[in-house]
Amino acid sequence: MFDYGKRTYIMGILNVTPDSFSDGGNFNKIDVAIKHARKMIEDGADIIDIGGESTRPGHKYVEADEEIERVIPVIKELKKEINIPISVDTYKASVAEEALKLGVEMINDVWGLKRDKDMAKTVAKYDAHICIMHNQDGTNYDKDIMESMKESLKESIDMALEAGVKNEKIVLDPGIGFGKTFEQNLEVLRRLNELNDLGYPILLGTSRKSVIGNVLNVEPKERLEGTIATTVLGVRDGVDIVRVHDVKENLKAAKMADAIYRK
């Protein structure tokens, strides 16, 4: 899908939910969602990531049927008119299957295939790409956090491969904001390059997250500069995809960082 290593790819976030932490309710009508997706593509997005359930701290669980009702109409409309890949942000195999039937290219699983035992084989069935995110219940680690994360990600990778997912279709996400305290999030960002040891493309999703808000003491929509800082540092440390709300600004930052770091 992408030629990793040559430049940083931009994943634009499209939340079709009423309660996402940053833009909940802004794009949960089909026409508004499609318009926003078009805008992100015009701004340079390489892939659109559609989410039908907020995964912010304290979010309300959404049944699979409701999640399907939110995302499938948007996917159908987008597939009629766009020619860039679509990702669906879900940890439910039944939602993934309905999306993959429509030709969605990637599933973005915030539970790294571990919450729904059918997810790995569903992704394999459709020969799709999978973004495996590190996540856990609670913030306690019985060893060095990066070593623990790498062990957990290796378990997820093995699950994917055993189910038949192709090795070259696996992407890893450190899971900033998931199963980590504020200080742990900063440490992971500080040591991000250690994930390169696993040998897979890395996706970084920090856009407008609380780790930025806590540092800058600003509300989500005022976290652009902090997000850009993490984008640039991510490129330096080998990140291949950045998942962002503000496509145009992060694309410019990534292009400059690419020119410096990717030689």
C-alpha atoms as a PDB file:
ATOM      1  CA  MET A   1       0.000   0.000   0.000  1.00  0.00           C
ATOM      2  CA  PHE A   2       2.848   2.366   0.895  1.00  0.00           C
ATOM      3  CA  ASP A   3       6.531   2.432   0.045  1.00  0.00           C
ATOM      4  CA  TYR A   4       7.757   2.754   3.620  1.00  0.00           C
ATOM      5  CA  GLY A   5      11.046   4.449   4.364  1.00  0.00           C
ATOM      6  CA  LYS A   6      11.011   7.081   1.628  1.00  0.00           C
ATOM      7  CA  ARG A   7       8.640   9.561   3.257  1.00  0.00           C
ATOM      8  CA  THR A   8       6.166   9.938   6.098  1.00  0.00           C
ATOM      9  CA  TYR A   9       2.545   9.163   5.261  1.00  0.00           C
ATOM     10  CA  ILE A  10      -0.358  11.152   6.684  1.00  0.00           C
ATOM     11  CA  MET A  11      -3.433   9.391   8.079  1.00  0.00           C
ATOM     12  CA  GLY A  12      -6.376  11.762   8.438  1.00  0.00           C
ATOM     13  CA  ILE A  13      -8.777  11.114  11.309  1.00  0.00           C
ATOM     14  CA  LEU A  14     -12.500  10.939  10.540  1.00  0.00           C
ATOM     15  CA  ASN A  15     -14.536  10.346  13.702  1.00  0.00           C
ATOM     16  CA  VAL A  16     -18.180   9.566  12.963  1.00  0.00           C
ATOM     17  CA  THR A  17     -19.013   9.513  16.661  1.00  0.00           C
ATOM     18  CA  PRO A  18     -20.946  11.832  18.974  1.00  0.00           C
ATOM     19  CA  ASP A  19     -18.388  11.673  21.796  1.00  0.00           C
ATOM     20  CA  SER A  20     -14.793  11.708  20.518  1.00  0.00           C
ATOM     21  CA  PHE A  21     -12.568  13.766  22.808  1.00  0.00           C
ATOM     22  CA  SER A  22     -11.576  16.349  20.201  1.00  0.00           C
ATOM     23  CA  ASP A  23     -14.258  16.527  17.526  1.00  0.00           C
ATOM     24  CA  GLY A  24     -17.153  14.418  18.823  1.00  0.00           C
ATOM     25  CA  GLY A  25     -20.377  15.145  16.986  1.00  0.00           C
ATOM     26  CA  ASN A  26     -18.723  17.282  14.315  1.00  0.00           C
ATOM     27  CA  PHE A  27     -18.751  14.675  11.570  1.00  0.00           C
ATOM     28  CA  ASN A  28     -21.373  12.103  12.559  1.00  0.00           C
ATOM     29  CA  LYS A  29     -23.686  13.025   9.672  1.00  0.00           C
ATOM     30  CA  ILE A  30     -22.818  11.396   6.352  1.00  0.00           C
ATOM     31  CA  ASP A  31     -22.699  14.540   4.226  1.00  0.00           C
ATOM     32  CA  VAL A  32     -20.562  16.401   6.769  1.00  0.00           C
ATOM     33  CA  ALA A  33     -18.242  13.404   7.178  1.00  0.00           C
ATOM     34  CA  ILE A  34     -17.767  13.087   3.410  1.00  0.00           C
ATOM     35  CA  LYS A  35     -17.054  16.809   3.101  1.00  0.00           C
ATOM     36  CA  HIS A  36     -14.439  16.607   5.845  1.00  0.00           C
ATOM     37  CA  ALA A  37     -12.814  13.563   4.239  1.00  0.00           C
ATOM     38  CA  ARG A  38     -12.612  15.433   0.923  1.00  0.00           C
ATOM     39  CA  LYS A  39     -10.979  18.360   2.691  1.00  0.00           C
ATOM     40  CA  MET A  40      -8.364  16.128   4.318  1.00  0.00           C
ATOM     41  CA  ILE A  41      -7.572  14.558   0.949  1.00  0.00           C
ATOM     42  CA  GLU A  42      -7.211  18.013  -0.616  1.00  0.00           C
ATOM     43  CA  ASP A  43      -4.851  18.879   2.236  1.00  0.00           C
ATOM     44  CA  GLY A  44      -2.671  15.874   1.406  1.00  0.00           C
ATOM     45  CA  ALA A  45      -3.928  12.900   3.428  1.00  0.00           C
ATOM     46  CA  ASP A  46      -2.599   9.569   2.179  1.00  0.00           C
ATOM     47  CA  ILE A  47      -5.167   7.465   4.023  1.00  0.00           C
ATOM     48  CA  ILE A  48      -8.430   8.179   5.861  1.00  0.00           C
ATOM     49  CA  ASP A  49      -9.055   6.451   9.200  1.00  0.00           C
ATOM     50  CA  ILE A  50     -12.767   6.157  10.042  1.00  0.00           C
ATOM     51  CA  GLY A  51     -13.827   5.553  13.627  1.00  0.00           C
ATOM     52  CA  GLY A  52     -17.313   4.695  14.839  1.00  0.00           C
ATOM     53  CA  GLU A  53     -16.579   4.352  18.553  1.00  0.00           C
ATOM     54  CA  SER A  54     -14.663   6.833  20.657  1.00  0.00           C
ATOM     55  CA  THR A  55     -11.705   5.277  22.454  1.00  0.00           C
ATOM     56  CA  ARG A  56     -11.011   8.249  24.713  1.00  0.00           C
ATOM     57  CA  PRO A  57     -10.647   7.560  28.457  1.00  0.00           C
ATOM     58  CA  GLY A  58     -14.057   6.867  29.952  1.00  0.00           C
ATOM     59  CA  HIS A  59     -15.715   6.414  26.567  1.00  0.00           C
ATOM     60  CA  LYS A  60     -19.099   4.740  26.274  1.00  0.00           C
ATOM     61  CA  TYR A  61     -19.059   1.236  24.812  1.00  0.00           C
ATOM     62  CA  VAL A  62     -20.793   0.978  21.445  1.00  0.00           C
ATOM     63  CA  GLU A  63     -22.421  -2.253  20.283  1.00  0.00           C
ATOM     64  CA  ALA A  64     -21.126  -3.633  16.997  1.00  0.00           C
ATOM     65  CA  ASP A  65     -24.443  -3.071  15.206  1.00  0.00           C
ATOM     66  CA  GLU A  66     -24.445   0.606  16.099  1.00  0.00           C
ATOM     67  CA  GLU A  67     -20.803   0.994  15.120  1.00  0.00           C
ATOM     68  CA  ILE A  68     -21.577  -0.627  11.752  1.00  0.00           C
ATOM     69  CA  GLU A  69     -24.492   1.770  11.244  1.00  0.00           C
ATOM     70  CA  ARG A  70     -22.144   4.689  11.817  1.00  0.00           C
ATOM     71  CA  VAL A  71     -19.215   3.704   9.619  1.00  0.00           C
ATOM     72  CA  ILE A  72     -20.599   1.636   6.728  1.00  0.00           C
ATOM     73  CA  PRO A  73     -22.655   4.392   5.034  1.00  0.00           C
ATOM     74  CA  VAL A  74     -19.607   6.682   5.126  1.00  0.00           C
ATOM     75  CA  ILE A  75     -17.346   3.983   3.675  1.00  0.00           C
ATOM     76  CA  LYS A  76     -19.828   3.290   0.870  1.00  0.00           C
ATOM     77  CA  GLU A  77     -19.937   6.946  -0.126  1.00  0.00           C
ATOM     78  CA  LEU A  78     -16.192   7.460   0.134  1.00  0.00           C
ATOM     79  CA  LYS A  79     -15.444   4.373  -1.944  1.00  0.00           C
ATOM     80  CA  LYS A  80     -17.487   5.898  -4.782  1.00  0.00           C
ATOM     81  CA  GLU A  81     -15.302   8.952  -5.091  1.00  0.00           C
ATOM     82  CA  ILE A  82     -11.856   8.659  -3.524  1.00  0.00           C
ATOM     83  CA  ASN A  83      -8.824   6.732  -4.684  1.00  0.00           C
ATOM     84  CA  ILE A  84      -6.734   6.672  -1.514  1.00  0.00           C
ATOM     85  CA  PRO A  85      -6.830   3.834   1.033  1.00  0.00           C
ATOM     86  CA  ILE A  86      -9.374   3.746   3.842  1.00  0.00           C
ATOM     87  CA  SER A  87      -8.676   2.421   7.330  1.00  0.00           C
ATOM     88  CA  VAL A  88     -11.328   1.568   9.906  1.00  0.00           C
ATOM     89  CA  ASP A  89     -10.575   2.103  13.573  1.00  0.00           C
ATOM     90  CA  THR A  90     -12.241  -0.841  15.314  1.00  0.00           C
ATOM     91  CA  TYR A  91     -11.374  -3.749  17.599  1.00  0.00           C
ATOM     92  CA  LYS A  92     -14.533  -5.710  16.722  1.00  0.00           C
ATOM     93  CA  ALA A  93     -14.181  -8.421  14.067  1.00  0.00           C
ATOM     94  CA  SER A  94     -17.804  -8.113  12.947  1.00  0.00           C
ATOM     95  CA  VAL A  95     -17.348  -4.387  12.234  1.00  0.00           C
ATOM     96  CA  ALA A  96     -14.058  -5.086  10.458  1.00  0.00           C
ATOM     97  CA  GLU A  97     -15.700  -7.734   8.279  1.00  0.00           C
ATOM     98  CA  GLU A  98     -18.465  -5.410   7.082  1.00  0.00           C
ATOM     99  CA  ALA A  99     -15.885  -2.747   6.267  1.00  0.00           C
ATOM    100  CA  LEU A 100     -13.502  -5.146   4.543  1.00  0.00           C
ATOM    101  CA  LYS A 101     -16.345  -6.459   2.355  1.00  0.00           C
ATOM    102  CA  LEU A 102     -16.503  -2.945   0.891  1.00  0.00           C
ATOM    103  CA  GLY A 103     -12.812  -2.897   0.031  1.00  0.00           C
ATOM    104  CA  VAL A 104     -11.368  -1.128   3.062  1.00  0.00           C
ATOM    105  CA  GLU A 105      -7.609  -1.589   2.970  1.00  0.00           C
ATOM    106  CA  MET A 106      -6.633  -1.442   6.658  1.00  0.00           C
ATOM    107  CA  ILE A 107      -8.030  -2.222  10.094  1.00  0.00           C
ATOM    108  CA  ASN A 108      -6.686  -0.109  12.940  1.00  0.00           C
ATOM    109  CA  ASP A 109      -7.133  -2.180  16.126  1.00  0.00           C
ATOM    110  CA  VAL A 110      -6.524  -0.303  19.382  1.00  0.00           C
ATOM    111  CA  TRP A 111      -6.396  -3.621  21.249  1.00  0.00           C
ATOM    112  CA  GLY A 112      -3.780  -5.207  19.004  1.00  0.00           C
ATOM    113  CA  LEU A 113      -5.962  -8.211  18.016  1.00  0.00           C
ATOM    114  CA  LYS A 114      -6.333  -9.213  21.674  1.00  0.00           C
ATOM    115  CA  ARG A 115      -9.850  -8.015  22.480  1.00  0.00           C
ATOM    116  CA  ASP A 116     -11.674  -9.984  19.757  1.00  0.00           C
ATOM    117  CA  LYS A 117     -10.237 -13.436  19.016  1.00  0.00           C
ATOM    118  CA  ASP A 118     -11.717 -13.386  15.499  1.00  0.00           C
ATOM    119  CA  MET A 119     -10.034 -10.170  14.376  1.00  0.00           C
ATOM    120  CA  ALA A 120      -6.768 -11.653  13.109  1.00  0.00           C
ATOM    121  CA  LYS A 121      -8.426 -14.284  10.926  1.00  0.00           C
ATOM    122  CA  THR A 122     -10.922 -11.704   9.635  1.00  0.00           C
ATOM    123  CA  VAL A 123      -8.088  -9.432   8.501  1.00  0.00           C
ATOM    124  CA  ALA A 124      -6.305 -12.427   6.941  1.00  0.00           C
ATOM    125  CA  LYS A 125      -9.473 -13.535   5.134  1.00  0.00           C
ATOM    126  CA  TYR A 126      -9.580 -10.256   3.210  1.00  0.00           C
ATOM    127  CA  ASP A 127      -5.787  -9.989   2.791  1.00  0.00           C
ATOM    128  CA  ALA A 128      -5.935  -6.593   4.491  1.00  0.00           C
ATOM    129  CA  HIS A 129      -3.383  -4.480   6.294  1.00  0.00           C
ATOM    130  CA  ILE A 130      -3.529  -4.334  10.091  1.00  0.00           C
ATOM    131  CA  CYS A 131      -2.313  -1.662  12.467  1.00  0.00           C
ATOM    132  CA  ILE A 132      -1.544  -3.364  15.769  1.00  0.00           C
ATOM    133  CA  MET A 133      -1.583  -0.954  18.703  1.00  0.00           C
ATOM    134  CA  HIS A 134      -0.077  -1.543  22.109  1.00  0.00           C
ATOM    135  CA  ASN A 135      -2.704  -1.317  24.822  1.00  0.00           C
ATOM    136  CA  GLN A 136      -3.409  -2.809  28.223  1.00  0.00           C
ATOM    137  CA  ASP A 137      -5.781  -2.531  31.155  1.00  0.00           C
ATOM    138  CA  GLY A 138      -4.163  -0.307  33.766  1.00  0.00           C
ATOM    139  CA  THR A 139      -0.770   1.379  33.769  1.00  0.00           C
ATOM    140  CA  ASN A 140       1.358  -1.056  35.791  1.00  0.00           C
ATOM    141  CA  TYR A 141       4.360  -2.652  34.067  1.00  0.00           C
ATOM    142  CA  ASP A 142       6.351  -5.426  35.725  1.00  0.00           C
ATOM    143  CA  LYS A 143       9.502  -4.515  33.793  1.00  0.00           C
ATOM    144  CA  ASP A 144      10.961  -1.739  31.664  1.00  0.00           C
ATOM    145  CA  ILE A 145       8.040  -0.197  29.770  1.00  0.00           C
ATOM    146  CA  MET A 146       9.603  -0.440  26.307  1.00  0.00           C
ATOM    147  CA  GLU A 147      10.605  -4.061  26.834  1.00  0.00           C
ATOM    148  CA  SER A 148       7.113  -4.856  28.077  1.00  0.00           C
ATOM    149  CA  MET A 149       5.547  -3.089  25.086  1.00  0.00           C
ATOM    150  CA  LYS A 150       7.772  -4.948  22.635  1.00  0.00           C
ATOM    151  CA  GLU A 151       6.856  -8.284  24.209  1.00  0.00           C
ATOM    152  CA  SER A 152       3.164  -7.457  23.984  1.00  0.00           C
ATOM    153  CA  LEU A 153       3.469  -6.325  20.370  1.00  0.00           C
ATOM    154  CA  LYS A 154       5.383  -9.502  19.487  1.00  0.00           C
ATOM    155  CA  GLU A 155       2.476 -11.535  20.895  1.00  0.00           C
ATOM    156  CA  SER A 156       0.077  -9.627  18.648  1.00  0.00           C
ATOM    157  CA  ILE A 157       2.366 -10.035  15.637  1.00  0.00           C
ATOM    158  CA  ASP A 158       2.464 -13.793  16.238  1.00  0.00           C
ATOM    159  CA  MET A 159      -1.329 -13.862  16.424  1.00  0.00           C
ATOM    160  CA  ALA A 160      -1.543 -12.052  13.090  1.00  0.00           C
ATOM    161  CA  LEU A 161       0.975 -14.275  11.347  1.00  0.00           C
ATOM    162  CA  GLU A 162      -0.547 -17.490  12.704  1.00  0.00           C
ATOM    163  CA  ALA A 163      -3.941 -16.383  11.369  1.00  0.00           C
ATOM    164  CA  GLY A 164      -2.461 -15.829   7.913  1.00  0.00           C
ATOM    165  CA  VAL A 165      -1.909 -12.069   7.850  1.00  0.00           C
ATOM    166  CA  LYS A 166       1.006 -11.293   5.547  1.00  0.00           C
ATOM    167  CA  ASN A 167       4.114 -10.028   7.281  1.00  0.00           C
ATOM    168  CA  GLU A 168       4.398  -7.019   4.979  1.00  0.00           C
ATOM    169  CA  LYS A 169       0.879  -5.896   5.887  1.00  0.00           C
ATOM    170  CA  ILE A 170       1.576  -5.366   9.588  1.00  0.00           C
ATOM    171  CA  VAL A 171       2.040  -1.884  11.086  1.00  0.00           C
ATOM    172  CA  LEU A 172       2.734  -1.181  14.768  1.00  0.00           C
ATOM    173  CA  ASP A 173       1.462   1.650  16.970  1.00  0.00           C
ATOM    174  CA  PRO A 174       2.972   2.413  20.423  1.00  0.00           C
ATOM    175  CA  GLY A 175      -0.464   3.424  21.716  1.00  0.00           C
ATOM    176  CA  ILE A 176       0.193   6.863  23.131  1.00  0.00           C
ATOM    177  CA  GLY A 177      -2.578   7.580  25.631  1.00  0.00           C
ATOM    178  CA  PHE A 178      -3.578   3.937  26.075  1.00  0.00           C
ATOM    179  CA  GLY A 179      -2.605   1.984  29.194  1.00  0.00           C
ATOM    180  CA  LYS A 180      -0.015   4.604  30.114  1.00  0.00           C
ATOM    181  CA  THR A 181       0.322   7.472  32.563  1.00  0.00           C
ATOM    182  CA  PHE A 182       1.355  10.967  31.519  1.00  0.00           C
ATOM    183  CA  GLU A 183       4.990  10.272  32.426  1.00  0.00           C
ATOM    184  CA  GLN A 184       4.914   6.881  30.715  1.00  0.00           C
ATOM    185  CA  ASN A 185       3.600   8.478  27.519  1.00  0.00           C
ATOM    186  CA  LEU A 186       6.504  10.933  27.573  1.00  0.00           C
ATOM    187  CA  GLU A 187       8.973   8.112  28.142  1.00  0.00           C
ATOM    188  CA  VAL A 188       7.596   6.137  25.214  1.00  0.00           C
ATOM    189  CA  LEU A 189       7.879   9.207  22.988  1.00  0.00           C
ATOM    190  CA  ARG A 190      11.415   9.762  24.244  1.00  0.00           C
ATOM    191  CA  ARG A 191      12.400   6.170  23.384  1.00  0.00           C
ATOM    192  CA  LEU A 192      10.253   5.687  20.308  1.00  0.00           C
ATOM    193  CA  ASN A 193      13.157   4.580  18.119  1.00  0.00           C
ATOM    194  CA  GLU A 194      13.467   1.380  20.189  1.00  0.00           C
ATOM    195  CA  LEU A 195      10.352   0.024  18.470  1.00  0.00           C
ATOM    196  CA  ASN A 196      12.357  -0.139  15.241  1.00  0.00           C
ATOM    197  CA  ASP A 197      13.955  -3.271  16.735  1.00  0.00           C
ATOM    198  CA  LEU A 198      10.779  -5.158  15.825  1.00  0.00           C
ATOM    199  CA  GLY A 199      11.304  -4.504  12.121  1.00  0.00           C
ATOM    200  CA  TYR A 200       7.852  -3.202  11.179  1.00  0.00           C
ATOM    201  CA  PRO A 201       6.531   0.188  10.006  1.00  0.00           C
ATOM    202  CA  ILE A 202       5.453   2.409  12.887  1.00  0.00           C
ATOM    203  CA  LEU A 203       2.301   4.511  13.106  1.00  0.00           C
ATOM    204  CA  LEU A 204       2.252   7.342  15.638  1.00  0.00           C
ATOM    205  CA  GLY A 205      -1.035   8.747  16.923  1.00  0.00           C
ATOM    206  CA  THR A 206      -0.558  11.688  19.278  1.00  0.00           C
ATOM    207  CA  SER A 207      -2.858  14.229  17.669  1.00  0.00           C
ATOM    208  CA  ARG A 208      -4.455  16.543  20.259  1.00  0.00           C
ATOM    209  CA  LYS A 209      -4.021  13.921  22.997  1.00  0.00           C
ATOM    210  CA  SER A 210      -3.909  14.600  26.726  1.00  0.00           C
ATOM    211  CA  VAL A 211      -0.139  14.160  26.958  1.00  0.00           C
ATOM    212  CA  ILE A 212       0.101  17.329  24.857  1.00  0.00           C
ATOM    213  CA  GLY A 213      -2.686  19.051  26.770  1.00  0.00           C
ATOM    214  CA  ASN A 214      -1.006  18.289  30.077  1.00  0.00           C
ATOM    215  CA  VAL A 215       2.289  19.772  28.940  1.00  0.00           C
ATOM    216  CA  LEU A 216       0.824  22.872  27.318  1.00  0.00           C
ATOM    217  CA  ASN A 217      -2.253  23.255  29.550  1.00  0.00           C
ATOM    218  CA  VAL A 218      -4.575  23.790  26.585  1.00  0.00           C
ATOM    219  CA  GLU A 219      -7.835  22.308  25.298  1.00  0.00           C
ATOM    220  CA  PRO A 220      -7.808  19.686  22.488  1.00  0.00           C
ATOM    221  CA  LYS A 221      -8.343  22.093  19.607  1.00  0.00           C
ATOM    222  CA  GLU A 222      -5.418  24.222  20.786  1.00  0.00           C
ATOM    223  CA  ARG A 223      -2.900  21.372  20.626  1.00  0.00           C
ATOM    224  CA  LEU A 224      -1.754  21.752  17.017  1.00  0.00           C
ATOM    225  CA  GLU A 225       1.761  22.967  17.783  1.00  0.00           C
ATOM    226  CA  GLY A 226       2.294  20.232  20.338  1.00  0.00           C
ATOM    227  CA  THR A 227       1.085  17.650  17.833  1.00  0.00           C
ATOM    228  CA  ILE A 228       3.467  18.981  15.185  1.00  0.00           C
ATOM    229  CA  ALA A 229       6.349  18.696  17.648  1.00  0.00           C
ATOM    230  CA  THR A 230       5.593  15.005  18.153  1.00  0.00           C
ATOM    231  CA  THR A 231       5.219  14.486  14.401  1.00  0.00           C
ATOM    232  CA  VAL A 232       8.698  15.880  13.752  1.00  0.00           C
ATOM    233  CA  LEU A 233      10.257  13.878  16.577  1.00  0.00           C
ATOM    234  CA  GLY A 234       8.441  10.795  15.330  1.00  0.00           C
ATOM    235  CA  VAL A 235       9.918  11.204  11.854  1.00  0.00           C
ATOM    236  CA  ARG A 236      13.354  11.548  13.412  1.00  0.00           C
ATOM    237  CA  ASP A 237      12.833   8.244  15.226  1.00  0.00           C
ATOM    238  CA  GLY A 238      11.661   6.309  12.172  1.00  0.00           C
ATOM    239  CA  VAL A 239       7.879   6.687  12.262  1.00  0.00           C
ATOM    240  CA  ASP A 240       6.284   5.888   8.885  1.00  0.00           C
ATOM    241  CA  ILE A 241       2.690   7.099   9.378  1.00  0.00           C
ATOM    242  CA  VAL A 242       1.313   9.879  11.565  1.00  0.00           C
ATOM    243  CA  ARG A 243      -2.389   9.813  12.448  1.00  0.00           C
ATOM    244  CA  VAL A 244      -3.622  13.397  12.765  1.00  0.00           C
ATOM    245  CA  HIS A 245      -6.633  15.688  12.817  1.00  0.00           C
ATOM    246  CA  ASP A 246      -4.834  18.625  11.168  1.00  0.00           C
ATOM    247  CA  VAL A 247      -3.568  17.190   7.894  1.00  0.00           C
ATOM    248  CA  LYS A 248      -2.192  20.238   6.092  1.00  0.00           C
ATOM    249  CA  GLU A 249      -0.061  21.492   8.970  1.00  0.00           C
ATOM    250  CA  ASN A 250       1.337  18.100   9.939  1.00  0.00           C
ATOM    251  CA  LEU A 251       2.092  17.274   6.307  1.00  0.00           C
ATOM    252  CA  LYS A 252       4.243  20.395   5.990  1.00  0.00           C
ATOM    253  CA  ALA A 253       6.066  19.543   9.205  1.00  0.00           C
ATOM    254  CA  ALA A 254       6.598  15.934   8.096  1.00  0.00           C
ATOM    255  CA  LYS A 255       7.918  17.023   4.696  1.00  0.00           C
ATOM    256  CA  MET A 256      10.489  19.250   6.356  1.00  0.00           C
ATOM    257  CA  ALA A 257      11.461  16.534   8.809  1.00  0.00           C
ATOM    258  CA  ASP A 258      11.714  14.022   5.936  1.00  0.00           C
ATOM    259  CA  ALA A 259      14.090  16.330   4.093  1.00  0.00           C
ATOM    260  CA  ILE A 260      16.353  16.466   7.165  1.00  0.00           C
ATOM    261  CA  TYR A 261      16.186  12.928   8.497  1.00  0.00           C
ATOM    262  CA  ARG A 262      15.448  10.642   5.550  1.00  0.00           C
ATOM    263  CA  LYS A 263      18.314  11.969   3.387  1.00  0.00           C
END
